[in-house]
């Protein structure tokens, strides 16, 4: 197994979830992704922070009008399932 780690730096206003992290720098996130096929993958995310910041992130992540998965200007068109 290999680990791939990288850093992305955001400016305020670029992404609403990253704005929450900028506003509360003690908030941390870790994710683990696994690819099942060329078309399917799974992800486990763990986000730890203050209750107010977690509520803010949850509101953004579960808003169907916001794509929280894309790192580009193109929205993702995938079907996703979330379990808390």
C-alpha atoms as a PDB file:
ATOM      1  CA  UNK A   1       0.000   0.000   0.000  1.00  0.00           C
ATOM      2  CA  UNK A   2       1.197   3.518  -0.751  1.00  0.00           C
ATOM      3  CA  UNK A   3       0.210   6.820   0.742  1.00  0.00           C
ATOM      4  CA  UNK A   4      -0.240   9.904  -1.417  1.00  0.00           C
ATOM      5  CA  UNK A   5      -0.254  13.240   0.421  1.00  0.00           C
ATOM      6  CA  UNK A   6      -0.611  16.735  -0.993  1.00  0.00           C
ATOM      7  CA  UNK A   7      -1.521  20.254   0.093  1.00  0.00           C
ATOM      8  CA  UNK A   8      -3.938  22.637  -1.593  1.00  0.00           C
ATOM      9  CA  UNK A   9      -3.910  26.279  -0.534  1.00  0.00           C
ATOM     10  CA  UNK A  10      -7.122  28.291  -0.826  1.00  0.00           C
ATOM     11  CA  UNK A  11      -7.848  31.995  -0.772  1.00  0.00           C
ATOM     12  CA  UNK A  12     -10.905  33.116   1.191  1.00  0.00           C
ATOM     13  CA  UNK A  13     -14.012  33.097  -0.992  1.00  0.00           C
ATOM     14  CA  UNK A  14     -12.806  30.316  -3.296  1.00  0.00           C
ATOM     15  CA  UNK A  15     -14.685  27.488  -1.568  1.00  0.00           C
ATOM     16  CA  UNK A  16     -17.261  27.741   1.255  1.00  0.00           C
ATOM     17  CA  UNK A  17     -15.967  24.640   3.054  1.00  0.00           C
ATOM     18  CA  UNK A  18     -12.399  25.893   2.957  1.00  0.00           C
ATOM     19  CA  UNK A  19     -13.622  29.240   4.307  1.00  0.00           C
ATOM     20  CA  UNK A  20     -14.831  27.318   7.388  1.00  0.00           C
ATOM     21  CA  UNK A  21     -11.334  25.848   7.820  1.00  0.00           C
ATOM     22  CA  UNK A  22      -9.739  29.286   7.346  1.00  0.00           C
ATOM     23  CA  UNK A  23     -12.072  30.783   9.969  1.00  0.00           C
ATOM     24  CA  UNK A  24     -11.359  27.945  12.434  1.00  0.00           C
ATOM     25  CA  UNK A  25      -7.762  26.743  11.901  1.00  0.00           C
ATOM     26  CA  UNK A  26      -8.104  24.117  14.657  1.00  0.00           C
ATOM     27  CA  UNK A  27     -10.496  22.165  12.416  1.00  0.00           C
ATOM     28  CA  UNK A  28      -8.829  19.217  10.664  1.00  0.00           C
ATOM     29  CA  UNK A  29      -9.977  16.742   8.030  1.00  0.00           C
ATOM     30  CA  UNK A  30      -8.654  13.385   6.935  1.00  0.00           C
ATOM     31  CA  UNK A  31     -10.004  11.178   4.189  1.00  0.00           C
ATOM     32  CA  UNK A  32      -9.382   7.693   2.929  1.00  0.00           C
ATOM     33  CA  UNK A  33     -10.399   6.819  -0.632  1.00  0.00           C
ATOM     34  CA  UNK A  34     -10.580   3.428  -2.252  1.00  0.00           C
ATOM     35  CA  UNK A  35     -11.336   2.657  -5.856  1.00  0.00           C
ATOM     36  CA  UNK A  36     -13.587  -0.325  -6.497  1.00  0.00           C
ATOM     37  CA  UNK A  37     -13.766  -0.094 -10.298  1.00  0.00           C
ATOM     38  CA  UNK A  38     -12.902   2.496 -12.929  1.00  0.00           C
ATOM     39  CA  UNK A  39     -16.330   4.049 -12.315  1.00  0.00           C
ATOM     40  CA  UNK A  40     -16.826   3.647  -8.565  1.00  0.00           C
ATOM     41  CA  UNK A  41     -14.973   4.534  -5.411  1.00  0.00           C
ATOM     42  CA  UNK A  42     -15.635   4.992  -1.729  1.00  0.00           C
ATOM     43  CA  UNK A  43     -14.434   7.643   0.706  1.00  0.00           C
ATOM     44  CA  UNK A  44     -14.327   7.872   4.453  1.00  0.00           C
ATOM     45  CA  UNK A  45     -13.956  11.397   5.780  1.00  0.00           C
ATOM     46  CA  UNK A  46     -13.238  12.411   9.346  1.00  0.00           C
ATOM     47  CA  UNK A  47     -13.578  16.071  10.242  1.00  0.00           C
ATOM     48  CA  UNK A  48     -12.848  17.266  13.775  1.00  0.00           C
ATOM     49  CA  UNK A  49     -13.453  20.772  15.056  1.00  0.00           C
ATOM     50  CA  UNK A  50     -15.735  22.952  17.104  1.00  0.00           C
ATOM     51  CA  UNK A  51     -19.457  22.101  17.038  1.00  0.00           C
ATOM     52  CA  UNK A  52     -20.239  25.396  15.278  1.00  0.00           C
ATOM     53  CA  UNK A  53     -17.702  24.750  12.519  1.00  0.00           C
ATOM     54  CA  UNK A  54     -18.846  21.147  12.081  1.00  0.00           C
ATOM     55  CA  UNK A  55     -22.467  22.327  11.770  1.00  0.00           C
ATOM     56  CA  UNK A  56     -21.379  24.881   9.162  1.00  0.00           C
ATOM     57  CA  UNK A  57     -19.467  22.268   7.142  1.00  0.00           C
ATOM     58  CA  UNK A  58     -22.329  19.768   7.413  1.00  0.00           C
ATOM     59  CA  UNK A  59     -24.816  22.353   6.102  1.00  0.00           C
ATOM     60  CA  UNK A  60     -22.586  23.009   3.076  1.00  0.00           C
ATOM     61  CA  UNK A  61     -21.695  19.345   2.391  1.00  0.00           C
ATOM     62  CA  UNK A  62     -25.310  18.173   2.462  1.00  0.00           C
ATOM     63  CA  UNK A  63     -26.666  21.025   0.362  1.00  0.00           C
ATOM     64  CA  UNK A  64     -27.652  19.401  -2.946  1.00  0.00           C
ATOM     65  CA  UNK A  65     -27.081  22.711  -4.784  1.00  0.00           C
ATOM     66  CA  UNK A  66     -23.383  22.736  -3.825  1.00  0.00           C
ATOM     67  CA  UNK A  67     -20.835  20.302  -5.211  1.00  0.00           C
ATOM     68  CA  UNK A  68     -18.344  19.656  -2.438  1.00  0.00           C
ATOM     69  CA  UNK A  69     -16.389  17.018  -4.322  1.00  0.00           C
ATOM     70  CA  UNK A  70     -14.946  18.958  -7.234  1.00  0.00           C
ATOM     71  CA  UNK A  71     -11.509  20.550  -7.185  1.00  0.00           C
ATOM     72  CA  UNK A  72     -12.169  22.352 -10.453  1.00  0.00           C
ATOM     73  CA  UNK A  73     -14.820  24.720 -11.768  1.00  0.00           C
ATOM     74  CA  UNK A  74     -16.636  21.740 -13.300  1.00  0.00           C
ATOM     75  CA  UNK A  75     -19.380  20.314 -11.081  1.00  0.00           C
ATOM     76  CA  UNK A  76     -19.408  16.626 -10.365  1.00  0.00           C
ATOM     77  CA  UNK A  77     -22.367  14.661 -11.743  1.00  0.00           C
ATOM     78  CA  UNK A  78     -22.045  11.587  -9.593  1.00  0.00           C
ATOM     79  CA  UNK A  79     -24.642   9.925  -7.445  1.00  0.00           C
ATOM     80  CA  UNK A  80     -23.452   9.961  -3.859  1.00  0.00           C
ATOM     81  CA  UNK A  81     -24.615   8.294  -0.671  1.00  0.00           C
ATOM     82  CA  UNK A  82     -23.801   9.634   2.763  1.00  0.00           C
ATOM     83  CA  UNK A  83     -23.839   7.870   6.101  1.00  0.00           C
ATOM     84  CA  UNK A  84     -23.095   9.715   9.348  1.00  0.00           C
END
